[in-house]
Amino acid sequence: MIRIGVISDTHLNGFDQELAEKAAEVFAGVDIILHAGDLTSLLVLDALEAPEVIAVAGNMDGPAVRANLPAKRIVTAGGFKIGLIHGWGSPMGLAGRVAREFSGVDAVVFGHSHRPTNLVKKDILLFNPGSYAKGFLGSGTVGLLELDREIIGRVLQL
């Protein structure tokens, strides 16, 4: 089984020790960590430890992040294809919009709305871990994907 940690919408200005400690605890033993955008700083990725950390840029990310990270990508793990994107626009219909950005994938991981989503539509897992950031419109959540015969998503409250 492959385990993937999923985080989005950290909205931090640099390396954050609290994020490093929480991520080390909740993502202990994962094979990959996916960050679905709105890092705000590339240094946020230094707080995430896994054999592989993969991220995309979000709408709140500045030029430095956008110059180093794509807006979307496809990650292959355990024989599955996972689309990774941040998202845009209204939270209403967001899952459908991001799903249309990919073809031939088994799952789409996204962020943007700060609202956790974990649903299967047309045999594709649509997964948003919510936002790491808490407070106004922040869920204070992350996610885990478990890949075996299928992809199972879980949202975890921090």
C-alpha atoms as a PDB file:
ATOM      1  CA  MET A   1       0.000   0.000   0.000  1.00  0.00           C
ATOM      2  CA  ILE A   2       1.175   3.504  -0.821  1.00  0.00           C
ATOM      3  CA  ARG A   3       0.297   6.357   1.542  1.00  0.00           C
ATOM      4  CA  ILE A   4       0.215   9.952   0.333  1.00  0.00           C
ATOM      5  CA  GLY A   5      -0.050  12.989   2.600  1.00  0.00           C
ATOM      6  CA  VAL A   6      -2.084  15.853   1.151  1.00  0.00           C
ATOM      7  CA  ILE A   7      -1.965  19.485   2.238  1.00  0.00           C
ATOM      8  CA  SER A   8      -3.159  22.732   0.716  1.00  0.00           C
ATOM      9  CA  ASP A   9      -3.590  26.404   1.438  1.00  0.00           C
ATOM     10  CA  THR A  10      -0.839  26.758   4.022  1.00  0.00           C
ATOM     11  CA  HIS A  11      -0.647  30.528   3.391  1.00  0.00           C
ATOM     12  CA  LEU A  12       2.679  30.879   5.217  1.00  0.00           C
ATOM     13  CA  ASN A  13       5.441  33.409   4.558  1.00  0.00           C
ATOM     14  CA  GLY A  14       8.302  30.945   5.019  1.00  0.00           C
ATOM     15  CA  PHE A  15       9.471  27.891   6.916  1.00  0.00           C
ATOM     16  CA  ASP A  16       7.158  27.249   9.857  1.00  0.00           C
ATOM     17  CA  GLN A  17       8.275  25.087  12.781  1.00  0.00           C
ATOM     18  CA  GLU A  18       4.688  24.343  13.858  1.00  0.00           C
ATOM     19  CA  LEU A  19       3.865  23.071  10.367  1.00  0.00           C
ATOM     20  CA  ALA A  20       7.042  20.940  10.384  1.00  0.00           C
ATOM     21  CA  GLU A  21       6.075  19.350  13.707  1.00  0.00           C
ATOM     22  CA  LYS A  22       2.433  18.724  12.788  1.00  0.00           C
ATOM     23  CA  ALA A  23       3.332  17.390   9.348  1.00  0.00           C
ATOM     24  CA  ALA A  24       5.966  15.060  10.808  1.00  0.00           C
ATOM     25  CA  GLU A  25       3.340  13.632  13.144  1.00  0.00           C
ATOM     26  CA  VAL A  26       0.367  13.305  10.815  1.00  0.00           C
ATOM     27  CA  PHE A  27       2.369  12.315   7.717  1.00  0.00           C
ATOM     28  CA  ALA A  28       4.748   9.896   9.471  1.00  0.00           C
ATOM     29  CA  GLY A  29       5.611   7.041   7.112  1.00  0.00           C
ATOM     30  CA  VAL A  30       3.990   8.468   3.974  1.00  0.00           C
ATOM     31  CA  ASP A  31       5.637   7.787   0.628  1.00  0.00           C
ATOM     32  CA  ILE A  32       4.758  11.146  -0.943  1.00  0.00           C
ATOM     33  CA  ILE A  33       3.374  14.501   0.182  1.00  0.00           C
ATOM     34  CA  LEU A  34       1.283  16.526  -2.270  1.00  0.00           C
ATOM     35  CA  HIS A  35       0.804  20.276  -1.719  1.00  0.00           C
ATOM     36  CA  ALA A  36      -2.140  21.615  -3.719  1.00  0.00           C
ATOM     37  CA  GLY A  37      -1.056  25.243  -3.832  1.00  0.00           C
ATOM     38  CA  ASP A  38      -1.214  28.560  -2.010  1.00  0.00           C
ATOM     39  CA  LEU A  39       2.067  27.894  -0.243  1.00  0.00           C
ATOM     40  CA  THR A  40       2.857  31.629  -0.466  1.00  0.00           C
ATOM     41  CA  SER A  41       6.573  30.789  -0.034  1.00  0.00           C
ATOM     42  CA  LEU A  42       8.697  27.953  -1.435  1.00  0.00           C
ATOM     43  CA  LEU A  43      10.269  27.646   2.041  1.00  0.00           C
ATOM     44  CA  VAL A  44       7.016  26.044   3.201  1.00  0.00           C
ATOM     45  CA  LEU A  45       8.090  22.908   1.334  1.00  0.00           C
ATOM     46  CA  ASP A  46      11.132  22.627   3.639  1.00  0.00           C
ATOM     47  CA  ALA A  47       8.717  21.857   6.501  1.00  0.00           C
ATOM     48  CA  LEU A  48       7.387  18.765   4.701  1.00  0.00           C
ATOM     49  CA  GLU A  49       9.462  15.594   4.996  1.00  0.00           C
ATOM     50  CA  ALA A  50       8.795  12.558   2.822  1.00  0.00           C
ATOM     51  CA  PRO A  51      10.753  10.597   0.208  1.00  0.00           C
ATOM     52  CA  GLU A  52       9.051  12.843  -2.353  1.00  0.00           C
ATOM     53  CA  VAL A  53       7.271  16.214  -1.980  1.00  0.00           C
ATOM     54  CA  ILE A  54       5.332  17.446  -5.021  1.00  0.00           C
ATOM     55  CA  ALA A  55       3.550  20.793  -5.253  1.00  0.00           C
ATOM     56  CA  VAL A  56       1.706  23.097  -7.614  1.00  0.00           C
ATOM     57  CA  ALA A  57       1.258  26.866  -7.517  1.00  0.00           C
ATOM     58  CA  GLY A  58      -1.995  28.438  -6.405  1.00  0.00           C
ATOM     59  CA  ASN A  59      -3.722  31.734  -7.064  1.00  0.00           C
ATOM     60  CA  MET A  60      -2.210  33.419  -3.978  1.00  0.00           C
ATOM     61  CA  ASP A  61       1.342  32.377  -4.836  1.00  0.00           C
ATOM     62  CA  GLY A  62       3.666  35.100  -6.067  1.00  0.00           C
ATOM     63  CA  PRO A  63       6.181  35.139  -8.914  1.00  0.00           C
ATOM     64  CA  ALA A  64       8.884  33.149  -7.083  1.00  0.00           C
ATOM     65  CA  VAL A  65       6.547  30.224  -6.450  1.00  0.00           C
ATOM     66  CA  ARG A  66       4.978  30.381  -9.916  1.00  0.00           C
ATOM     67  CA  ALA A  67       8.434  30.403 -11.540  1.00  0.00           C
ATOM     68  CA  ASN A  68       9.325  27.141  -9.774  1.00  0.00           C
ATOM     69  CA  LEU A  69       6.038  25.224  -9.680  1.00  0.00           C
ATOM     70  CA  PRO A  70       3.556  24.374 -12.433  1.00  0.00           C
ATOM     71  CA  ALA A  71      -0.130  25.233 -12.176  1.00  0.00           C
ATOM     72  CA  LYS A  72      -1.052  21.567 -12.580  1.00  0.00           C
ATOM     73  CA  ARG A  73       0.617  18.198 -12.973  1.00  0.00           C
ATOM     74  CA  ILE A  74      -0.072  14.473 -13.035  1.00  0.00           C
ATOM     75  CA  VAL A  75       1.532  12.285 -10.373  1.00  0.00           C
ATOM     76  CA  THR A  76       1.831   8.529 -10.920  1.00  0.00           C
ATOM     77  CA  ALA A  77       1.886   6.293  -7.839  1.00  0.00           C
ATOM     78  CA  GLY A  78       0.986   2.647  -7.309  1.00  0.00           C
ATOM     79  CA  GLY A  79      -0.295   2.334 -10.863  1.00  0.00           C
ATOM     80  CA  PHE A  80      -2.714   5.248 -10.383  1.00  0.00           C
ATOM     81  CA  LYS A  81      -2.658   8.670 -12.024  1.00  0.00           C
ATOM     82  CA  ILE A  82      -3.467  11.620  -9.774  1.00  0.00           C
ATOM     83  CA  GLY A  83      -4.109  15.095 -11.134  1.00  0.00           C
ATOM     84  CA  LEU A  84      -2.782  17.838  -8.842  1.00  0.00           C
ATOM     85  CA  ILE A  85      -4.084  21.395  -9.192  1.00  0.00           C
ATOM     86  CA  HIS A  86      -5.017  24.288  -6.921  1.00  0.00           C
ATOM     87  CA  GLY A  87      -8.296  25.538  -8.379  1.00  0.00           C
ATOM     88  CA  TRP A  88      -9.874  28.933  -8.977  1.00  0.00           C
ATOM     89  CA  GLY A  89     -13.111  30.870  -8.725  1.00  0.00           C
ATOM     90  CA  SER A  90     -16.134  30.199  -6.587  1.00  0.00           C
ATOM     91  CA  PRO A  91     -16.236  27.176  -4.283  1.00  0.00           C
ATOM     92  CA  MET A  92     -19.512  26.279  -5.991  1.00  0.00           C
ATOM     93  CA  GLY A  93     -18.716  23.858  -8.805  1.00  0.00           C
ATOM     94  CA  LEU A  94     -14.982  23.822  -8.012  1.00  0.00           C
ATOM     95  CA  ALA A  95     -14.657  20.021  -7.992  1.00  0.00           C
ATOM     96  CA  GLY A  96     -16.207  19.810 -11.457  1.00  0.00           C
ATOM     97  CA  ARG A  97     -13.996  22.582 -12.852  1.00  0.00           C
ATOM     98  CA  VAL A  98     -10.754  21.004 -11.655  1.00  0.00           C
ATOM     99  CA  ALA A  99     -11.845  17.528 -12.797  1.00  0.00           C
ATOM    100  CA  ARG A 100     -12.296  18.855 -16.351  1.00  0.00           C
ATOM    101  CA  GLU A 101      -8.630  19.919 -16.387  1.00  0.00           C
ATOM    102  CA  PHE A 102      -7.502  16.274 -16.555  1.00  0.00           C
ATOM    103  CA  SER A 103      -8.307  13.198 -18.608  1.00  0.00           C
ATOM    104  CA  GLY A 104      -7.348   9.623 -17.871  1.00  0.00           C
ATOM    105  CA  VAL A 105      -6.736  10.170 -14.153  1.00  0.00           C
ATOM    106  CA  ASP A 106      -7.985   8.107 -11.214  1.00  0.00           C
ATOM    107  CA  ALA A 107      -8.102  11.037  -8.783  1.00  0.00           C
ATOM    108  CA  VAL A 108      -7.872  14.818  -8.724  1.00  0.00           C
ATOM    109  CA  VAL A 109      -6.339  16.524  -5.689  1.00  0.00           C
ATOM    110  CA  PHE A 110      -7.106  20.223  -5.352  1.00  0.00           C
ATOM    111  CA  GLY A 111      -7.358  23.071  -2.856  1.00  0.00           C
ATOM    112  CA  HIS A 112      -8.527  26.702  -3.085  1.00  0.00           C
ATOM    113  CA  SER A 113     -11.909  26.517  -1.330  1.00  0.00           C
ATOM    114  CA  HIS A 114     -10.501  25.742   2.157  1.00  0.00           C
ATOM    115  CA  ARG A 115     -13.343  23.206   2.367  1.00  0.00           C
ATOM    116  CA  PRO A 116     -12.588  19.483   2.570  1.00  0.00           C
ATOM    117  CA  THR A 117     -14.006  17.364  -0.252  1.00  0.00           C
ATOM    118  CA  ASN A 118     -13.810  13.580  -0.503  1.00  0.00           C
ATOM    119  CA  LEU A 119     -16.137  12.183  -3.136  1.00  0.00           C
ATOM    120  CA  VAL A 120     -16.128   9.857  -6.113  1.00  0.00           C
ATOM    121  CA  LYS A 121     -17.747  11.084  -9.312  1.00  0.00           C
ATOM    122  CA  LYS A 122     -17.646   9.082 -12.550  1.00  0.00           C
ATOM    123  CA  ASP A 123     -15.067   6.716 -10.986  1.00  0.00           C
ATOM    124  CA  ILE A 124     -12.686   9.595 -10.161  1.00  0.00           C
ATOM    125  CA  LEU A 125     -11.835  10.521  -6.568  1.00  0.00           C
ATOM    126  CA  LEU A 126     -12.158  14.290  -6.109  1.00  0.00           C
ATOM    127  CA  PHE A 127     -10.136  15.146  -3.009  1.00  0.00           C
ATOM    128  CA  ASN A 128      -9.536  18.483  -1.295  1.00  0.00           C
ATOM    129  CA  PRO A 129      -7.852  18.278   2.119  1.00  0.00           C
ATOM    130  CA  GLY A 130      -9.247  21.669   3.116  1.00  0.00           C
ATOM    131  CA  SER A 131      -6.816  24.269   4.388  1.00  0.00           C
ATOM    132  CA  TYR A 132      -3.920  23.842   6.767  1.00  0.00           C
ATOM    133  CA  ALA A 133      -4.580  27.427   7.821  1.00  0.00           C
ATOM    134  CA  LYS A 134      -7.257  27.830  10.481  1.00  0.00           C
ATOM    135  CA  GLY A 135      -9.397  30.810  11.353  1.00  0.00           C
ATOM    136  CA  PHE A 136     -11.848  32.643   9.138  1.00  0.00           C
ATOM    137  CA  LEU A 137     -12.779  30.264   6.328  1.00  0.00           C
ATOM    138  CA  GLY A 138      -9.950  27.919   7.315  1.00  0.00           C
ATOM    139  CA  SER A 139     -10.668  24.277   8.112  1.00  0.00           C
ATOM    140  CA  GLY A 140      -7.401  23.343   9.868  1.00  0.00           C
ATOM    141  CA  THR A 141      -7.311  20.009   8.047  1.00  0.00           C
ATOM    142  CA  VAL A 142      -4.994  17.883   5.912  1.00  0.00           C
ATOM    143  CA  GLY A 143      -5.562  14.589   4.105  1.00  0.00           C
ATOM    144  CA  LEU A 144      -4.271  11.104   3.501  1.00  0.00           C
ATOM    145  CA  LEU A 145      -4.665   9.005   0.376  1.00  0.00           C
ATOM    146  CA  GLU A 146      -4.209   5.254   0.625  1.00  0.00           C
ATOM    147  CA  LEU A 147      -3.526   3.492  -2.665  1.00  0.00           C
ATOM    148  CA  ASP A 148      -4.083  -0.252  -2.824  1.00  0.00           C
ATOM    149  CA  ARG A 149      -6.684  -1.769  -5.151  1.00  0.00           C
ATOM    150  CA  GLU A 150      -8.391   1.616  -5.147  1.00  0.00           C
ATOM    151  CA  ILE A 151      -7.658   5.106  -3.828  1.00  0.00           C
ATOM    152  CA  ILE A 152      -9.225   5.925  -0.474  1.00  0.00           C
ATOM    153  CA  GLY A 153      -9.128   9.477   0.868  1.00  0.00           C
ATOM    154  CA  ARG A 154      -9.375  10.602   4.491  1.00  0.00           C
ATOM    155  CA  VAL A 155      -9.576  14.150   5.838  1.00  0.00           C
ATOM    156  CA  LEU A 156      -7.762  14.676   9.146  1.00  0.00           C
ATOM    157  CA  GLN A 157      -8.481  17.478  11.633  1.00  0.00           C
ATOM    158  CA  LEU A 158      -5.315  19.009  13.078  1.00  0.00           C
END
